[in-house]
Amino acid sequence: MDHRVRPGEVREDQLTSFIEKQTSQLPSSSWLIAAVGAMVASLAFEAAGKDHAALFVGQWAAPFLLL
């Protein structure tokens, strides 16, 4: 069963359209690289004993992957 949304089936609001337009200007691999970079930076902060910074930066990976 095909559950994909076809053009014209739903309308996006202006904010969603703006975000999609901005994020689509970069290749998908850029967002993957940013997510992996956030994980590496988080690991580096953790190794340096900066736990709060490690948690803060480590939580960036999921939003990067969503974009």
PDB file of N, CA and C in Angstrom:
ATOM      1  N   MET A   1       0.848  -1.169   0.000  1.00  0.00           N
ATOM      2  CA  MET A   1       0.000   0.000   0.000  1.00  0.00           C
ATOM      3  C   MET A   1       0.904   1.246   0.000  1.00  0.00           C
ATOM      4  N   ASP A   2       0.598   2.185  -0.834  1.00  0.00           N
ATOM      5  CA  ASP A   2       1.400   3.405  -0.986  1.00  0.00           C
ATOM      6  C   ASP A   2       0.801   4.512  -0.124  1.00  0.00           C
ATOM      7  N   HIS A   3       1.564   4.972   0.885  1.00  0.00           N
ATOM      8  CA  HIS A   3       1.075   5.994   1.809  1.00  0.00           C
ATOM      9  C   HIS A   3       1.683   7.360   1.548  1.00  0.00           C
ATOM     10  N   ARG A   4       2.414   7.501   0.443  1.00  0.00           N
ATOM     11  CA  ARG A   4       3.050   8.781   0.168  1.00  0.00           C
ATOM     12  C   ARG A   4       2.018   9.859  -0.132  1.00  0.00           C
ATOM     13  N   VAL A   5       2.368  11.086   0.226  1.00  0.00           N
ATOM     14  CA  VAL A   5       1.498  12.226  -0.047  1.00  0.00           C
ATOM     15  C   VAL A   5       1.744  12.679  -1.478  1.00  0.00           C
ATOM     16  N   ARG A   6       0.693  12.847  -2.209  1.00  0.00           N
ATOM     17  CA  ARG A   6       0.803  13.288  -3.594  1.00  0.00           C
ATOM     18  C   ARG A   6       0.583  14.802  -3.673  1.00  0.00           C
ATOM     19  N   PRO A   7       1.180  15.452  -4.689  1.00  0.00           N
ATOM     20  CA  PRO A   7       0.989  16.901  -4.832  1.00  0.00           C
ATOM     21  C   PRO A   7      -0.494  17.272  -4.828  1.00  0.00           C
ATOM     22  N   GLY A   8      -0.831  18.281  -4.051  1.00  0.00           N
ATOM     23  CA  GLY A   8      -2.200  18.770  -3.987  1.00  0.00           C
ATOM     24  C   GLY A   8      -3.054  18.114  -2.922  1.00  0.00           C
ATOM     25  N   GLU A   9      -2.568  17.058  -2.265  1.00  0.00           N
ATOM     26  CA  GLU A   9      -3.373  16.375  -1.252  1.00  0.00           C
ATOM     27  C   GLU A   9      -3.427  17.143   0.061  1.00  0.00           C
ATOM     28  N   VAL A  10      -2.347  17.791   0.416  1.00  0.00           N
ATOM     29  CA  VAL A  10      -2.311  18.566   1.649  1.00  0.00           C
ATOM     30  C   VAL A  10      -1.698  19.927   1.364  1.00  0.00           C
ATOM     31  N   ARG A  11      -2.033  20.880   2.201  1.00  0.00           N
ATOM     32  CA  ARG A  11      -1.460  22.212   2.078  1.00  0.00           C
ATOM     33  C   ARG A  11      -0.524  22.454   3.242  1.00  0.00           C
ATOM     34  N   GLU A  12       0.613  23.050   2.955  1.00  0.00           N
ATOM     35  CA  GLU A  12       1.552  23.406   4.002  1.00  0.00           C
ATOM     36  C   GLU A  12       1.361  24.870   4.349  1.00  0.00           C
ATOM     37  N   ASP A  13       1.606  25.192   5.620  1.00  0.00           N
ATOM     38  CA  ASP A  13       1.542  26.599   5.986  1.00  0.00           C
ATOM     39  C   ASP A  13       2.821  27.294   5.523  1.00  0.00           C
ATOM     40  N   GLN A  14       2.866  28.589   5.671  1.00  0.00           N
ATOM     41  CA  GLN A  14       3.984  29.369   5.158  1.00  0.00           C
ATOM     42  C   GLN A  14       5.290  29.040   5.880  1.00  0.00           C
ATOM     43  N   LEU A  15       5.238  28.805   7.175  1.00  0.00           N
ATOM     44  CA  LEU A  15       6.446  28.499   7.928  1.00  0.00           C
ATOM     45  C   LEU A  15       7.048  27.173   7.468  1.00  0.00           C
ATOM     46  N   THR A  16       6.221  26.152   7.310  1.00  0.00           N
ATOM     47  CA  THR A  16       6.703  24.856   6.854  1.00  0.00           C
ATOM     48  C   THR A  16       7.302  24.956   5.463  1.00  0.00           C
ATOM     49  N   SER A  17       6.646  25.681   4.589  1.00  0.00           N
ATOM     50  CA  SER A  17       7.161  25.866   3.234  1.00  0.00           C
ATOM     51  C   SER A  17       8.496  26.587   3.249  1.00  0.00           C
ATOM     52  N   PHE A  18       8.637  27.600   4.097  1.00  0.00           N
ATOM     53  CA  PHE A  18       9.892  28.347   4.195  1.00  0.00           C
ATOM     54  C   PHE A  18      11.024  27.453   4.681  1.00  0.00           C
ATOM     55  N   ILE A  19      10.763  26.670   5.735  1.00  0.00           N
ATOM     56  CA  ILE A  19      11.786  25.784   6.280  1.00  0.00           C
ATOM     57  C   ILE A  19      12.200  24.748   5.237  1.00  0.00           C
ATOM     58  N   GLU A  20      11.232  24.166   4.563  1.00  0.00           N
ATOM     59  CA  GLU A  20      11.550  23.170   3.541  1.00  0.00           C
ATOM     60  C   GLU A  20      12.356  23.779   2.397  1.00  0.00           C
ATOM     61  N   LYS A  21      12.010  24.984   2.012  1.00  0.00           N
ATOM     62  CA  LYS A  21      12.736  25.650   0.930  1.00  0.00           C
ATOM     63  C   LYS A  21      14.184  25.915   1.338  1.00  0.00           C
ATOM     64  N   GLN A  22      14.403  26.351   2.578  1.00  0.00           N
ATOM     65  CA  GLN A  22      15.757  26.657   3.038  1.00  0.00           C
ATOM     66  C   GLN A  22      16.593  25.390   3.205  1.00  0.00           C
ATOM     67  N   THR A  23      16.012  24.356   3.811  1.00  0.00           N
ATOM     68  CA  THR A  23      16.791  23.143   4.069  1.00  0.00           C
ATOM     69  C   THR A  23      17.049  22.340   2.801  1.00  0.00           C
ATOM     70  N   SER A  24      16.213  22.478   1.799  1.00  0.00           N
ATOM     71  CA  SER A  24      16.418  21.718   0.567  1.00  0.00           C
ATOM     72  C   SER A  24      17.537  22.284  -0.293  1.00  0.00           C
ATOM     73  N   GLN A  25      18.043  23.453   0.050  1.00  0.00           N
ATOM     74  CA  GLN A  25      19.126  24.047  -0.724  1.00  0.00           C
ATOM     75  C   GLN A  25      20.461  23.358  -0.470  1.00  0.00           C
ATOM     76  N   LEU A  26      20.558  22.589   0.610  1.00  0.00           N
ATOM     77  CA  LEU A  26      21.764  21.827   0.909  1.00  0.00           C
ATOM     78  C   LEU A  26      21.528  20.362   0.586  1.00  0.00           C
ATOM     79  N   PRO A  27      22.554  19.661   0.120  1.00  0.00           N
ATOM     80  CA  PRO A  27      22.378  18.223  -0.113  1.00  0.00           C
ATOM     81  C   PRO A  27      22.118  17.478   1.198  1.00  0.00           C
ATOM     82  N   SER A  28      21.421  16.370   1.101  1.00  0.00           N
ATOM     83  CA  SER A  28      21.062  15.591   2.289  1.00  0.00           C
ATOM     84  C   SER A  28      22.295  15.133   3.058  1.00  0.00           C
ATOM     85  N   SER A  29      23.380  14.876   2.355  1.00  0.00           N
ATOM     86  CA  SER A  29      24.594  14.419   3.038  1.00  0.00           C
ATOM     87  C   SER A  29      25.136  15.491   3.977  1.00  0.00           C
ATOM     88  N   SER A  30      24.837  16.765   3.717  1.00  0.00           N
ATOM     89  CA  SER A  30      25.286  17.842   4.608  1.00  0.00           C
ATOM     90  C   SER A  30      24.680  17.693   5.995  1.00  0.00           C
ATOM     91  N   TRP A  31      23.402  17.337   6.046  1.00  0.00           N
ATOM     92  CA  TRP A  31      22.725  17.173   7.333  1.00  0.00           C
ATOM     93  C   TRP A  31      23.257  15.947   8.058  1.00  0.00           C
ATOM     94  N   LEU A  32      23.589  14.886   7.315  1.00  0.00           N
ATOM     95  CA  LEU A  32      24.174  13.698   7.924  1.00  0.00           C
ATOM     96  C   LEU A  32      25.550  14.017   8.495  1.00  0.00           C
ATOM     97  N   ILE A  33      26.353  14.763   7.756  1.00  0.00           N
ATOM     98  CA  ILE A  33      27.677  15.160   8.233  1.00  0.00           C
ATOM     99  C   ILE A  33      27.556  16.034   9.480  1.00  0.00           C
ATOM    100  N   ALA A  34      26.591  16.948   9.494  1.00  0.00           N
ATOM    101  CA  ALA A  34      26.388  17.805  10.662  1.00  0.00           C
ATOM    102  C   ALA A  34      25.999  16.974  11.888  1.00  0.00           C
ATOM    103  N   ALA A  35      25.149  15.965  11.692  1.00  0.00           N
ATOM    104  CA  ALA A  35      24.736  15.105  12.808  1.00  0.00           C
ATOM    105  C   ALA A  35      25.917  14.307  13.350  1.00  0.00           C
ATOM    106  N   VAL A  36      26.708  13.734  12.459  1.00  0.00           N
ATOM    107  CA  VAL A  36      27.883  12.977  12.899  1.00  0.00           C
ATOM    108  C   VAL A  36      28.882  13.914  13.582  1.00  0.00           C
ATOM    109  N   GLY A  37      29.038  15.125  13.049  1.00  0.00           N
ATOM    110  CA  GLY A  37      29.922  16.113  13.672  1.00  0.00           C
ATOM    111  C   GLY A  37      29.484  16.468  15.082  1.00  0.00           C
ATOM    112  N   ALA A  38      28.165  16.585  15.278  1.00  0.00           N
ATOM    113  CA  ALA A  38      27.644  16.877  16.618  1.00  0.00           C
ATOM    114  C   ALA A  38      27.947  15.730  17.578  1.00  0.00           C
ATOM    115  N   MET A  39      27.847  14.503  17.079  1.00  0.00           N
ATOM    116  CA  MET A  39      28.154  13.355  17.938  1.00  0.00           C
ATOM    117  C   MET A  39      29.639  13.309  18.294  1.00  0.00           C
ATOM    118  N   VAL A  40      30.491  13.605  17.324  1.00  0.00           N
ATOM    119  CA  VAL A  40      31.933  13.613  17.576  1.00  0.00           C
ATOM    120  C   VAL A  40      32.286  14.728  18.564  1.00  0.00           C
ATOM    121  N   ALA A  41      31.703  15.915  18.358  1.00  0.00           N
ATOM    122  CA  ALA A  41      31.964  17.027  19.277  1.00  0.00           C
ATOM    123  C   ALA A  41      31.478  16.687  20.685  1.00  0.00           C
ATOM    124  N   SER A  42      30.332  16.023  20.780  1.00  0.00           N
ATOM    125  CA  SER A  42      29.805  15.611  22.079  1.00  0.00           C
ATOM    126  C   SER A  42      30.758  14.629  22.766  1.00  0.00           C
ATOM    127  N   LEU A  43      31.278  13.697  21.994  1.00  0.00           N
ATOM    128  CA  LEU A  43      32.240  12.745  22.545  1.00  0.00           C
ATOM    129  C   LEU A  43      33.497  13.455  23.031  1.00  0.00           C
ATOM    130  N   ALA A  44      33.950  14.458  22.283  1.00  0.00           N
ATOM    131  CA  ALA A  44      35.139  15.216  22.681  1.00  0.00           C
ATOM    132  C   ALA A  44      34.877  15.986  23.975  1.00  0.00           C
ATOM    133  N   PHE A  45      33.718  16.595  24.088  1.00  0.00           N
ATOM    134  CA  PHE A  45      33.371  17.303  25.325  1.00  0.00           C
ATOM    135  C   PHE A  45      33.301  16.329  26.502  1.00  0.00           C
ATOM    136  N   GLU A  46      32.727  15.165  26.253  1.00  0.00           N
ATOM    137  CA  GLU A  46      32.623  14.156  27.311  1.00  0.00           C
ATOM    138  C   GLU A  46      34.017  13.713  27.765  1.00  0.00           C
ATOM    139  N   ALA A  47      34.912  13.500  26.813  1.00  0.00           N
ATOM    140  CA  ALA A  47      36.280  13.095  27.143  1.00  0.00           C
ATOM    141  C   ALA A  47      37.021  14.182  27.910  1.00  0.00           C
ATOM    142  N   ALA A  48      36.651  15.449  27.648  1.00  0.00           N
ATOM    143  CA  ALA A  48      37.286  16.574  28.337  1.00  0.00           C
ATOM    144  C   ALA A  48      36.648  16.846  29.693  1.00  0.00           C
ATOM    145  N   GLY A  49      35.639  16.059  30.049  1.00  0.00           N
ATOM    146  CA  GLY A  49      34.998  16.233  31.348  1.00  0.00           C
ATOM    147  C   GLY A  49      33.950  17.330  31.374  1.00  0.00           C
ATOM    148  N   LYS A  50      33.541  17.831  30.229  1.00  0.00           N
ATOM    149  CA  LYS A  50      32.518  18.885  30.157  1.00  0.00           C
ATOM    150  C   LYS A  50      31.165  18.239  29.848  1.00  0.00           C
ATOM    151  N   ASP A  51      30.571  17.676  30.884  1.00  0.00           N
ATOM    152  CA  ASP A  51      29.356  16.886  30.709  1.00  0.00           C
ATOM    153  C   ASP A  51      28.180  17.693  30.185  1.00  0.00           C
ATOM    154  N   HIS A  52      27.984  18.899  30.690  1.00  0.00           N
ATOM    155  CA  HIS A  52      26.846  19.707  30.251  1.00  0.00           C
ATOM    156  C   HIS A  52      26.971  20.077  28.781  1.00  0.00           C
ATOM    157  N   ALA A  53      28.155  20.468  28.352  1.00  0.00           N
ATOM    158  CA  ALA A  53      28.379  20.798  26.943  1.00  0.00           C
ATOM    159  C   ALA A  53      28.195  19.553  26.074  1.00  0.00           C
ATOM    160  N   ALA A  54      28.642  18.404  26.557  1.00  0.00           N
ATOM    161  CA  ALA A  54      28.496  17.158  25.804  1.00  0.00           C
ATOM    162  C   ALA A  54      27.026  16.826  25.580  1.00  0.00           C
ATOM    163  N   LEU A  55      26.224  16.962  26.616  1.00  0.00           N
ATOM    164  CA  LEU A  55      24.792  16.692  26.472  1.00  0.00           C
ATOM    165  C   LEU A  55      24.122  17.702  25.544  1.00  0.00           C
ATOM    166  N   PHE A  56      24.498  18.970  25.681  1.00  0.00           N
ATOM    167  CA  PHE A  56      23.906  20.028  24.851  1.00  0.00           C
ATOM    168  C   PHE A  56      24.201  19.789  23.370  1.00  0.00           C
ATOM    169  N   VAL A  57      25.457  19.577  23.039  1.00  0.00           N
ATOM    170  CA  VAL A  57      25.848  19.387  21.640  1.00  0.00           C
ATOM    171  C   VAL A  57      25.360  18.041  21.114  1.00  0.00           C
ATOM    172  N   GLY A  58      25.361  17.034  21.954  1.00  0.00           N
ATOM    173  CA  GLY A  58      24.909  15.715  21.531  1.00  0.00           C
ATOM    174  C   GLY A  58      23.450  15.687  21.119  1.00  0.00           C
ATOM    175  N   GLN A  59      22.659  16.582  21.665  1.00  0.00           N
ATOM    176  CA  GLN A  59      21.240  16.627  21.312  1.00  0.00           C
ATOM    177  C   GLN A  59      20.987  17.302  19.972  1.00  0.00           C
ATOM    178  N   TRP A  60      22.010  17.840  19.347  1.00  0.00           N
ATOM    179  CA  TRP A  60      21.844  18.460  18.025  1.00  0.00           C
ATOM    180  C   TRP A  60      21.695  17.423  16.918  1.00  0.00           C
ATOM    181  N   ALA A  61      22.181  16.221  17.133  1.00  0.00           N
ATOM    182  CA  ALA A  61      22.176  15.206  16.066  1.00  0.00           C
ATOM    183  C   ALA A  61      20.761  14.920  15.554  1.00  0.00           C
ATOM    184  N   ALA A  62      19.819  14.709  16.441  1.00  0.00           N
ATOM    185  CA  ALA A  62      18.460  14.381  16.008  1.00  0.00           C
ATOM    186  C   ALA A  62      17.822  15.487  15.166  1.00  0.00           C
ATOM    187  N   PRO A  63      17.884  16.767  15.580  1.00  0.00           N
ATOM    188  CA  PRO A  63      17.314  17.806  14.714  1.00  0.00           C
ATOM    189  C   PRO A  63      17.996  17.899  13.350  1.00  0.00           C
ATOM    190  N   PHE A  64      19.325  17.698  13.316  1.00  0.00           N
ATOM    191  CA  PHE A  64      20.001  17.704  12.024  1.00  0.00           C
ATOM    192  C   PHE A  64      19.466  16.596  11.132  1.00  0.00           C
ATOM    193  N   LEU A  65      19.226  15.433  11.685  1.00  0.00           N
ATOM    194  CA  LEU A  65      18.715  14.318  10.890  1.00  0.00           C
ATOM    195  C   LEU A  65      17.260  14.570  10.462  1.00  0.00           C
ATOM    196  N   LEU A  66      16.505  15.276  11.277  1.00  0.00           N
ATOM    197  CA  LEU A  66      15.136  15.612  10.888  1.00  0.00           C
ATOM    198  C   LEU A  66      15.097  16.618   9.741  1.00  0.00           C
ATOM    199  N   LEU A  67      16.063  17.534   9.742  1.00  0.00           N
ATOM    200  CA  LEU A  67      16.118  18.527   8.657  1.00  0.00           C
ATOM    201  C   LEU A  67      16.491  17.842   7.353  1.00  0.00           C
TER     202      LEU A  67
END
